[in-house]
PDB file of N, CA and C in Angstrom:
ATOM      1  N   MET A   1      23.758 -22.698 -15.257  1.00  0.00           N
ATOM      2  CA  MET A   1      22.459 -22.327 -15.763  1.00  0.00           C
ATOM      3  C   MET A   1      22.405 -22.438 -17.283  1.00  0.00           C
ATOM      4  N   ARG A   2      23.457 -22.025 -17.963  1.00  0.00           N
ATOM      5  CA  ARG A   2      23.464 -22.119 -19.422  1.00  0.00           C
ATOM      6  C   ARG A   2      23.381 -23.560 -19.875  1.00  0.00           C
ATOM      7  N   ALA A   3      23.965 -24.467 -19.094  1.00  0.00           N
ATOM      8  CA  ALA A   3      23.892 -25.889 -19.432  1.00  0.00           C
ATOM      9  C   ALA A   3      22.445 -26.350 -19.451  1.00  0.00           C
ATOM     10  N   GLY A   4      21.635 -25.827 -18.547  1.00  0.00           N
ATOM     11  CA  GLY A   4      20.222 -26.186 -18.511  1.00  0.00           C
ATOM     12  C   GLY A   4      19.491 -25.782 -19.775  1.00  0.00           C
ATOM     13  N   THR A   5      19.871 -24.657 -20.361  1.00  0.00           N
ATOM     14  CA  THR A   5      19.208 -24.224 -21.588  1.00  0.00           C
ATOM     15  C   THR A   5      19.694 -25.031 -22.781  1.00  0.00           C
ATOM     16  N   ARG A   6      20.899 -25.583 -22.694  1.00  0.00           N
ATOM     17  CA  ARG A   6      21.381 -26.454 -23.773  1.00  0.00           C
ATOM     18  C   ARG A   6      20.756 -27.835 -23.684  1.00  0.00           C
ATOM     19  N   VAL A   7      20.623 -28.354 -22.475  1.00  0.00           N
ATOM     20  CA  VAL A   7      20.053 -29.678 -22.271  1.00  0.00           C
ATOM     21  C   VAL A   7      18.562 -29.665 -22.590  1.00  0.00           C
ATOM     22  N   ALA A   8      17.879 -28.626 -22.182  1.00  0.00           N
ATOM     23  CA  ALA A   8      16.433 -28.516 -22.394  1.00  0.00           C
ATOM     24  C   ALA A   8      16.126 -27.169 -23.046  1.00  0.00           C
ATOM     25  N   PRO A   9      16.416 -27.029 -24.351  1.00  0.00           N
ATOM     26  CA  PRO A   9      16.254 -25.729 -24.996  1.00  0.00           C
ATOM     27  C   PRO A   9      14.823 -25.206 -24.986  1.00  0.00           C
ATOM     28  N   ASP A  10      13.842 -26.075 -24.798  1.00  0.00           N
ATOM     29  CA  ASP A  10      12.451 -25.639 -24.756  1.00  0.00           C
ATOM     30  C   ASP A  10      11.981 -25.311 -23.343  1.00  0.00           C
ATOM     31  N   ALA A  11      12.875 -25.384 -22.375  1.00  0.00           N
ATOM     32  CA  ALA A  11      12.507 -25.128 -20.980  1.00  0.00           C
ATOM     33  C   ALA A  11      12.467 -23.620 -20.747  1.00  0.00           C
ATOM     34  N   TYR A  12      11.277 -23.064 -20.892  1.00  0.00           N
ATOM     35  CA  TYR A  12      11.109 -21.617 -20.784  1.00  0.00           C
ATOM     36  C   TYR A  12      11.625 -21.083 -19.455  1.00  0.00           C
ATOM     37  N   PHE A  13      11.412 -21.838 -18.375  1.00  0.00           N
ATOM     38  CA  PHE A  13      11.823 -21.356 -17.054  1.00  0.00           C
ATOM     39  C   PHE A  13      13.339 -21.232 -16.949  1.00  0.00           C
ATOM     40  N   ALA A  14      14.075 -22.110 -17.620  1.00  0.00           N
ATOM     41  CA  ALA A  14      15.539 -22.027 -17.601  1.00  0.00           C
ATOM     42  C   ALA A  14      15.994 -20.746 -18.291  1.00  0.00           C
ATOM     43  N   HIS A  15      15.333 -20.379 -19.393  1.00  0.00           N
ATOM     44  CA  HIS A  15      15.700 -19.153 -20.104  1.00  0.00           C
ATOM     45  C   HIS A  15      15.352 -17.908 -19.288  1.00  0.00           C
ATOM     46  N   ILE A  16      14.204 -17.921 -18.626  1.00  0.00           N
ATOM     47  CA  ILE A  16      13.829 -16.776 -17.789  1.00  0.00           C
ATOM     48  C   ILE A  16      14.820 -16.626 -16.635  1.00  0.00           C
ATOM     49  N   ASN A  17      15.117 -17.730 -15.965  1.00  0.00           N
ATOM     50  CA  ASN A  17      16.066 -17.671 -14.845  1.00  0.00           C
ATOM     51  C   ASN A  17      17.441 -17.224 -15.315  1.00  0.00           C
ATOM     52  N   LEU A  18      17.866 -17.724 -16.467  1.00  0.00           N
ATOM     53  CA  LEU A  18      19.157 -17.316 -17.020  1.00  0.00           C
ATOM     54  C   LEU A  18      19.134 -15.820 -17.331  1.00  0.00           C
ATOM     55  N   GLY A  19      18.046 -15.346 -17.943  1.00  0.00           N
ATOM     56  CA  GLY A  19      17.934 -13.923 -18.242  1.00  0.00           C
ATOM     57  C   GLY A  19      18.014 -13.067 -16.994  1.00  0.00           C
ATOM     58  N   ASP A  20      17.314 -13.489 -15.949  1.00  0.00           N
ATOM     59  CA  ASP A  20      17.353 -12.740 -14.689  1.00  0.00           C
ATOM     60  C   ASP A  20      18.765 -12.710 -14.105  1.00  0.00           C
ATOM     61  N   LEU A  21      19.433 -13.843 -14.148  1.00  0.00           N
ATOM     62  CA  LEU A  21      20.796 -13.932 -13.621  1.00  0.00           C
ATOM     63  C   LEU A  21      21.762 -13.071 -14.428  1.00  0.00           C
ATOM     64  N   LEU A  22      21.662 -13.157 -15.744  1.00  0.00           N
ATOM     65  CA  LEU A  22      22.539 -12.361 -16.600  1.00  0.00           C
ATOM     66  C   LEU A  22      22.303 -10.865 -16.397  1.00  0.00           C
ATOM     67  N   LYS A  23      21.046 -10.467 -16.321  1.00  0.00           N
ATOM     68  CA  LYS A  23      20.747  -9.041 -16.125  1.00  0.00           C
ATOM     69  C   LYS A  23      21.282  -8.560 -14.783  1.00  0.00           C
ATOM     70  N   ALA A  24      21.132  -9.372 -13.753  1.00  0.00           N
ATOM     71  CA  ALA A  24      21.628  -9.007 -12.423  1.00  0.00           C
ATOM     72  C   ALA A  24      23.150  -8.867 -12.412  1.00  0.00           C
ATOM     73  N   ASN A  25      23.813  -9.578 -13.315  1.00  0.00           N
ATOM     74  CA  ASN A  25      25.271  -9.523 -13.401  1.00  0.00           C
ATOM     75  C   ASN A  25      25.760  -8.529 -14.449  1.00  0.00           C
ATOM     76  N   GLY A  26      24.845  -7.697 -14.938  1.00  0.00           N
ATOM     77  CA  GLY A  26      25.243  -6.656 -15.879  1.00  0.00           C
ATOM     78  C   GLY A  26      25.416  -7.125 -17.311  1.00  0.00           C
ATOM     79  N   GLN A  27      24.981  -8.324 -17.621  1.00  0.00           N
ATOM     80  CA  GLN A  27      25.099  -8.870 -18.973  1.00  0.00           C
ATOM     81  C   GLN A  27      23.734  -8.758 -19.664  1.00  0.00           C
ATOM     82  N   THR A  28      23.315  -7.530 -19.844  1.00  0.00           N
ATOM     83  CA  THR A  28      21.957  -7.268 -20.309  1.00  0.00           C
ATOM     84  C   THR A  28      21.723  -7.746 -21.738  1.00  0.00           C
ATOM     85  N   ASP A  29      22.685  -7.582 -22.618  1.00  0.00           N
ATOM     86  CA  ASP A  29      22.490  -8.046 -23.997  1.00  0.00           C
ATOM     87  C   ASP A  29      22.253  -9.556 -24.033  1.00  0.00           C
ATOM     88  N   GLU A  30      22.992 -10.295 -23.219  1.00  0.00           N
ATOM     89  CA  GLU A  30      22.798 -11.745 -23.140  1.00  0.00           C
ATOM     90  C   GLU A  30      21.456 -12.075 -22.498  1.00  0.00           C
ATOM     91  N   ALA A  31      21.049 -11.264 -21.529  1.00  0.00           N
ATOM     92  CA  ALA A  31      19.744 -11.461 -20.877  1.00  0.00           C
ATOM     93  C   ALA A  31      18.614 -11.281 -21.881  1.00  0.00           C
ATOM     94  N   ILE A  32      18.748 -10.312 -22.753  1.00  0.00           N
ATOM     95  CA  ILE A  32      17.733 -10.066 -23.783  1.00  0.00           C
ATOM     96  C   ILE A  32      17.562 -11.302 -24.662  1.00  0.00           C
ATOM     97  N   VAL A  33      18.659 -11.913 -25.040  1.00  0.00           N
ATOM     98  CA  VAL A  33      18.598 -13.142 -25.845  1.00  0.00           C
ATOM     99  C   VAL A  33      17.860 -14.236 -25.080  1.00  0.00           C
ATOM    100  N   ALA A  34      18.172 -14.396 -23.804  1.00  0.00           N
ATOM    101  CA  ALA A  34      17.530 -15.430 -22.991  1.00  0.00           C
ATOM    102  C   ALA A  34      16.032 -15.167 -22.849  1.00  0.00           C
ATOM    103  N   TYR A  35      15.646 -13.912 -22.619  1.00  0.00           N
ATOM    104  CA  TYR A  35      14.223 -13.580 -22.507  1.00  0.00           C
ATOM    105  C   TYR A  35      13.492 -13.862 -23.821  1.00  0.00           C
ATOM    106  N   ARG A  36      14.119 -13.518 -24.928  1.00  0.00           N
ATOM    107  CA  ARG A  36      13.491 -13.788 -26.232  1.00  0.00           C
ATOM    108  C   ARG A  36      13.315 -15.299 -26.443  1.00  0.00           C
ATOM    109  N   GLN A  37      14.325 -16.082 -26.049  1.00  0.00           N
ATOM    110  CA  GLN A  37      14.218 -17.531 -26.184  1.00  0.00           C
ATOM    111  C   GLN A  37      13.090 -18.082 -25.322  1.00  0.00           C
ATOM    112  N   ALA A  38      12.923 -17.552 -24.136  1.00  0.00           N
ATOM    113  CA  ALA A  38      11.830 -17.998 -23.260  1.00  0.00           C
ATOM    114  C   ALA A  38      10.482 -17.716 -23.912  1.00  0.00           C
ATOM    115  N   LEU A  39      10.346 -16.552 -24.524  1.00  0.00           N
ATOM    116  CA  LEU A  39       9.079 -16.180 -25.135  1.00  0.00           C
ATOM    117  C   LEU A  39       8.770 -16.999 -26.381  1.00  0.00           C
ATOM    118  N   GLU A  40       9.800 -17.545 -27.013  1.00  0.00           N
ATOM    119  CA  GLU A  40       9.588 -18.407 -28.179  1.00  0.00           C
ATOM    120  C   GLU A  40       9.027 -19.767 -27.775  1.00  0.00           C
ATOM    121  N   ASN A  41       9.247 -20.149 -26.531  1.00  0.00           N
ATOM    122  CA  ASN A  41       8.773 -21.442 -26.028  1.00  0.00           C
ATOM    123  C   ASN A  41       7.400 -21.285 -25.404  1.00  0.00           C
ATOM    124  N   LYS A  42       6.719 -22.375 -25.303  1.00  0.00           N
ATOM    125  CA  LYS A  42       5.400 -22.354 -24.648  1.00  0.00           C
ATOM    126  C   LYS A  42       5.623 -22.367 -23.139  1.00  0.00           C
ATOM    127  N   GLY A  43       4.873 -21.579 -22.463  1.00  0.00           N
ATOM    128  CA  GLY A  43       4.935 -21.526 -21.011  1.00  0.00           C
ATOM    129  C   GLY A  43       3.586 -21.100 -20.477  1.00  0.00           C
ATOM    130  N   PRO A  44       3.458 -21.006 -19.179  1.00  0.00           N
ATOM    131  CA  PRO A  44       2.177 -20.614 -18.595  1.00  0.00           C
ATOM    132  C   PRO A  44       1.750 -19.230 -19.083  1.00  0.00           C
ATOM    133  N   GLU A  45       0.581 -19.166 -19.638  1.00  0.00           N
ATOM    134  CA  GLU A  45       0.079 -17.911 -20.203  1.00  0.00           C
ATOM    135  C   GLU A  45      -0.019 -16.818 -19.144  1.00  0.00           C
ATOM    136  N   ASP A  46      -0.290 -17.197 -17.909  1.00  0.00           N
ATOM    137  CA  ASP A  46      -0.465 -16.199 -16.859  1.00  0.00           C
ATOM    138  C   ASP A  46       0.849 -15.557 -16.412  1.00  0.00           C
ATOM    139  N   GLN A  47       1.970 -16.032 -16.923  1.00  0.00           N
ATOM    140  CA  GLN A  47       3.264 -15.448 -16.567  1.00  0.00           C
ATOM    141  C   GLN A  47       3.926 -14.721 -17.730  1.00  0.00           C
ATOM    142  N   ARG A  48       3.434 -14.939 -18.927  1.00  0.00           N
ATOM    143  CA  ARG A  48       4.101 -14.398 -20.103  1.00  0.00           C
ATOM    144  C   ARG A  48       4.109 -12.873 -20.140  1.00  0.00           C
ATOM    145  N   ASP A  49       3.099 -12.233 -19.575  1.00  0.00           N
ATOM    146  CA  ASP A  49       3.106 -10.775 -19.576  1.00  0.00           C
ATOM    147  C   ASP A  49       4.304 -10.232 -18.808  1.00  0.00           C
ATOM    148  N   SER A  50       4.658 -10.878 -17.707  1.00  0.00           N
ATOM    149  CA  SER A  50       5.821 -10.405 -16.947  1.00  0.00           C
ATOM    150  C   SER A  50       7.115 -10.698 -17.691  1.00  0.00           C
ATOM    151  N   TRP A  51       7.129 -11.750 -18.500  1.00  0.00           N
ATOM    152  CA  TRP A  51       8.331 -12.047 -19.292  1.00  0.00           C
ATOM    153  C   TRP A  51       8.535 -10.971 -20.356  1.00  0.00           C
ATOM    154  N   TYR A  52       7.441 -10.572 -21.005  1.00  0.00           N
ATOM    155  CA  TYR A  52       7.542  -9.482 -21.981  1.00  0.00           C
ATOM    156  C   TYR A  52       8.025  -8.201 -21.297  1.00  0.00           C
ATOM    157  N   THR A  53       7.513  -7.949 -20.113  1.00  0.00           N
ATOM    158  CA  THR A  53       7.928  -6.759 -19.374  1.00  0.00           C
ATOM    159  C   THR A  53       9.399  -6.837 -19.003  1.00  0.00           C
ATOM    160  N   ASP A  54       9.870  -8.016 -18.593  1.00  0.00           N
ATOM    161  CA  ASP A  54      11.304  -8.195 -18.308  1.00  0.00           C
ATOM    162  C   ASP A  54      12.133  -7.879 -19.548  1.00  0.00           C
ATOM    163  N   LEU A  55      11.690  -8.384 -20.695  1.00  0.00           N
ATOM    164  CA  LEU A  55      12.393  -8.119 -21.946  1.00  0.00           C
ATOM    165  C   LEU A  55      12.394  -6.626 -22.252  1.00  0.00           C
ATOM    166  N   ALA A  56      11.245  -5.988 -22.153  1.00  0.00           N
ATOM    167  CA  ALA A  56      11.154  -4.553 -22.449  1.00  0.00           C
ATOM    168  C   ALA A  56      12.028  -3.728 -21.507  1.00  0.00           C
ATOM    169  N   ASN A  57      12.026  -4.077 -20.230  1.00  0.00           N
ATOM    170  CA  ASN A  57      12.863  -3.360 -19.266  1.00  0.00           C
ATOM    171  C   ASN A  57      14.343  -3.524 -19.587  1.00  0.00           C
ATOM    172  N   ALA A  58      14.733  -4.734 -19.977  1.00  0.00           N
ATOM    173  CA  ALA A  58      16.133  -4.975 -20.345  1.00  0.00           C
ATOM    174  C   ALA A  58      16.507  -4.162 -21.578  1.00  0.00           C
ATOM    175  N   LEU A  59      15.629  -4.146 -22.574  1.00  0.00           N
ATOM    176  CA  LEU A  59      15.890  -3.355 -23.780  1.00  0.00           C
ATOM    177  C   LEU A  59      16.029  -1.875 -23.443  1.00  0.00           C
ATOM    178  N   GLN A  60      15.153  -1.392 -22.597  1.00  0.00           N
ATOM    179  CA  GLN A  60      15.203   0.020 -22.210  1.00  0.00           C
ATOM    180  C   GLN A  60      16.506   0.338 -21.478  1.00  0.00           C
ATOM    181  N   SER A  61      16.975  -0.599 -20.659  1.00  0.00           N
ATOM    182  CA  SER A  61      18.178  -0.337 -19.865  1.00  0.00           C
ATOM    183  C   SER A  61      19.445  -0.241 -20.710  1.00  0.00           C
ATOM    184  N   VAL A  62      19.397  -0.753 -21.943  1.00  0.00           N
ATOM    185  CA  VAL A  62      20.560  -0.619 -22.839  1.00  0.00           C
ATOM    186  C   VAL A  62      20.245   0.337 -23.997  1.00  0.00           C
ATOM    187  N   ASN A  63      19.304   1.262 -23.721  1.00  0.00           N
ATOM    188  CA  ASN A  63      18.966   2.350 -24.651  1.00  0.00           C
ATOM    189  C   ASN A  63      18.445   1.867 -25.999  1.00  0.00           C
ATOM    190  N   ARG A  64      17.743   0.747 -25.992  1.00  0.00           N
ATOM    191  CA  ARG A  64      17.080   0.274 -27.209  1.00  0.00           C
ATOM    192  C   ARG A  64      15.593   0.617 -27.065  1.00  0.00           C
ATOM    193  N   GLN A  65      15.349   1.943 -27.003  1.00  0.00           N
ATOM    194  CA  GLN A  65      14.025   2.464 -26.670  1.00  0.00           C
ATOM    195  C   GLN A  65      12.944   2.033 -27.658  1.00  0.00           C
ATOM    196  N   GLY A  66      13.253   2.077 -28.945  1.00  0.00           N
ATOM    197  CA  GLY A  66      12.256   1.707 -29.951  1.00  0.00           C
ATOM    198  C   GLY A  66      11.796   0.272 -29.786  1.00  0.00           C
ATOM    199  N   GLU A  67      12.742  -0.623 -29.581  1.00  0.00           N
ATOM    200  CA  GLU A  67      12.395  -2.032 -29.374  1.00  0.00           C
ATOM    201  C   GLU A  67      11.610  -2.206 -28.074  1.00  0.00           C
ATOM    202  N   ALA A  68      12.027  -1.497 -27.036  1.00  0.00           N
ATOM    203  CA  ALA A  68      11.334  -1.587 -25.743  1.00  0.00           C
ATOM    204  C   ALA A  68       9.885  -1.133 -25.878  1.00  0.00           C
ATOM    205  N   ILE A  69       9.675  -0.037 -26.576  1.00  0.00           N
ATOM    206  CA  ILE A  69       8.312   0.467 -26.770  1.00  0.00           C
ATOM    207  C   ILE A  69       7.468  -0.544 -27.525  1.00  0.00           C
ATOM    208  N   ASP A  70       8.043  -1.158 -28.552  1.00  0.00           N
ATOM    209  CA  ASP A  70       7.310  -2.187 -29.308  1.00  0.00           C
ATOM    210  C   ASP A  70       6.882  -3.338 -28.403  1.00  0.00           C
ATOM    211  N   VAL A  71       7.769  -3.762 -27.516  1.00  0.00           N
ATOM    212  CA  VAL A  71       7.441  -4.871 -26.607  1.00  0.00           C
ATOM    213  C   VAL A  71       6.389  -4.429 -25.595  1.00  0.00           C
ATOM    214  N   TYR A  72       6.519  -3.222 -25.045  1.00  0.00           N
ATOM    215  CA  TYR A  72       5.505  -2.716 -24.112  1.00  0.00           C
ATOM    216  C   TYR A  72       4.132  -2.669 -24.795  1.00  0.00           C
ATOM    217  N   ARG A  73       4.105  -2.204 -26.036  1.00  0.00           N
ATOM    218  CA  ARG A  73       2.834  -2.148 -26.772  1.00  0.00           C
ATOM    219  C   ARG A  73       2.247  -3.544 -26.965  1.00  0.00           C
ATOM    220  N   LYS A  74       3.109  -4.499 -27.242  1.00  0.00           N
ATOM    221  CA  LYS A  74       2.653  -5.877 -27.425  1.00  0.00           C
ATOM    222  C   LYS A  74       2.034  -6.408 -26.127  1.00  0.00           C
ATOM    223  N   VAL A  75       2.654  -6.108 -25.012  1.00  0.00           N
ATOM    224  CA  VAL A  75       2.109  -6.543 -23.722  1.00  0.00           C
ATOM    225  C   VAL A  75       0.720  -5.970 -23.515  1.00  0.00           C
ATOM    226  N   ILE A  76       0.560  -4.684 -23.796  1.00  0.00           N
ATOM    227  CA  ILE A  76      -0.734  -4.039 -23.597  1.00  0.00           C
ATOM    228  C   ILE A  76      -1.782  -4.613 -24.549  1.00  0.00           C
ATOM    229  N   LEU A  77      -1.379  -4.913 -25.766  1.00  0.00           N
ATOM    230  CA  LEU A  77      -2.304  -5.466 -26.759  1.00  0.00           C
ATOM    231  C   LEU A  77      -2.742  -6.879 -26.385  1.00  0.00           C
ATOM    232  N   ILE A  78      -1.789  -7.717 -26.011  1.00  0.00           N
ATOM    233  CA  ILE A  78      -2.086  -9.119 -25.714  1.00  0.00           C
ATOM    234  C   ILE A  78      -2.655  -9.292 -24.315  1.00  0.00           C
ATOM    235  N   TYR A  79      -2.140  -8.512 -23.369  1.00  0.00           N
ATOM    236  CA  TYR A  79      -2.540  -8.645 -21.954  1.00  0.00           C
ATOM    237  C   TYR A  79      -3.022  -7.303 -21.406  1.00  0.00           C
ATOM    238  N   PRO A  80      -4.165  -6.819 -21.870  1.00  0.00           N
ATOM    239  CA  PRO A  80      -4.624  -5.492 -21.436  1.00  0.00           C
ATOM    240  C   PRO A  80      -4.852  -5.405 -19.926  1.00  0.00           C
ATOM    241  N   GLN A  81      -5.110  -6.522 -19.274  1.00  0.00           N
ATOM    242  CA  GLN A  81      -5.315  -6.508 -17.827  1.00  0.00           C
ATOM    243  C   GLN A  81      -4.021  -6.181 -17.084  1.00  0.00           C
ATOM    244  N   SER A  82      -2.893  -6.276 -17.759  1.00  0.00           N
ATOM    245  CA  SER A  82      -1.601  -5.989 -17.133  1.00  0.00           C
ATOM    246  C   SER A  82      -1.234  -4.516 -17.216  1.00  0.00           C
ATOM    247  N   ALA A  83      -1.946  -3.785 -18.042  1.00  0.00           N
ATOM    248  CA  ALA A  83      -1.596  -2.370 -18.269  1.00  0.00           C
ATOM    249  C   ALA A  83      -1.913  -1.516 -17.071  1.00  0.00           C
TER     250      ALA A  83
END
Protein backbone atom coordinates (compact mmCIF):
# COMPACT_ATOMS: atom_id res chain seq x y z
CA MET A 1 0.00 0.00 0.00
CA ARG A 2 2.80 2.44 0.79
CA ALA A 3 4.24 1.78 -2.66
CA GLY A 4 0.99 3.08 -4.12
CA THR A 5 1.40 6.38 -2.32
CA ARG A 6 4.96 6.69 -3.61
CA VAL A 7 4.03 5.85 -7.19
CA ALA A 8 0.99 8.14 -7.17
CA PRO A 9 1.52 10.67 -4.37
CA ASP A 10 -1.55 12.64 -5.46
CA ALA A 11 -3.82 9.59 -5.25
CA TYR A 12 -6.03 10.61 -2.36
CA PHE A 13 -7.69 7.19 -2.19
CA ALA A 14 -4.34 5.46 -1.66
CA HIS A 15 -3.62 7.73 1.32
CA ILE A 16 -7.08 7.17 2.82
CA ASN A 17 -6.79 3.40 2.41
CA LEU A 18 -3.28 3.46 3.86
CA GLY A 19 -4.51 5.53 6.81
CA ASP A 20 -7.33 3.09 7.47
CA LEU A 21 -4.96 0.13 7.30
CA LEU A 22 -2.37 1.75 9.56
CA LYS A 23 -4.99 2.75 12.13
CA ALA A 24 -6.44 -0.76 12.13
CA ASN A 25 -2.94 -2.09 12.82
CA GLY A 26 -2.38 0.27 15.73
CA GLN A 27 -0.07 2.63 13.84
CA THR A 28 -2.19 5.68 14.51
CA ASP A 29 0.56 8.30 14.23
CA GLU A 30 1.39 7.01 10.74
CA ALA A 31 -2.33 6.93 9.91
CA ILE A 32 -2.62 10.60 10.86
CA VAL A 33 0.13 11.45 8.36
CA ALA A 34 -1.66 9.47 5.64
CA TYR A 35 -5.01 11.15 6.35
CA ARG A 36 -3.38 14.58 6.23
CA GLN A 37 -1.75 13.71 2.89
CA ALA A 38 -5.12 12.63 1.49
CA LEU A 39 -6.69 15.92 2.54
CA GLU A 40 -3.90 17.87 0.82
CA ASN A 41 -4.87 16.24 -2.48
CA LYS A 42 -7.98 16.92 -4.48
CA GLY A 43 -10.66 14.31 -4.12
CA PRO A 44 -14.42 14.00 -4.29
CA GLU A 45 -15.90 16.81 -2.22
CA ASP A 46 -18.73 14.58 -1.03
CA GLN A 47 -16.26 12.31 0.79
CA ARG A 48 -13.90 14.84 2.32
CA ASP A 49 -16.02 15.38 5.42
CA SER A 50 -15.56 11.73 6.38
CA TRP A 51 -11.81 12.04 5.77
CA TYR A 52 -11.63 14.97 8.18
CA THR A 53 -13.62 12.93 10.68
CA ASP A 54 -11.22 9.98 10.25
CA LEU A 55 -8.33 12.34 10.94
CA ALA A 56 -10.03 13.86 13.99
CA ASN A 57 -10.89 10.42 15.39
CA ALA A 58 -7.30 9.27 14.93
CA LEU A 59 -5.99 12.39 16.67
CA GLN A 60 -8.40 11.88 19.54
CA SER A 61 -7.36 8.24 19.92
CA VAL A 62 -3.75 9.28 20.61
CA ASN A 63 -4.80 12.00 23.09
CA ARG A 64 -4.18 14.92 20.75
CA GLN A 65 -7.47 16.46 21.86
CA GLY A 66 -6.72 20.05 20.87
CA GLU A 67 -5.85 19.09 17.32
CA ALA A 68 -8.88 16.77 17.13
CA ILE A 69 -11.20 19.56 18.25
CA ASP A 70 -9.74 21.90 15.63
CA VAL A 71 -10.40 19.32 12.90
CA TYR A 72 -13.94 18.62 14.16
CA ARG A 73 -14.64 22.37 14.11
CA LYS A 74 -13.31 22.59 10.56
CA VAL A 75 -15.65 19.80 9.47
CA ILE A 76 -18.63 21.59 10.98
CA LEU A 77 -17.61 24.90 9.40
CA ILE A 78 -16.97 23.52 5.91
CA TYR A 79 -19.61 20.76 5.92
CA PRO A 80 -22.43 21.87 8.25
CA GLN A 81 -24.72 19.20 6.78
CA SER A 82 -22.43 16.59 8.34
CA ALA A 83 -22.83 17.92 11.87
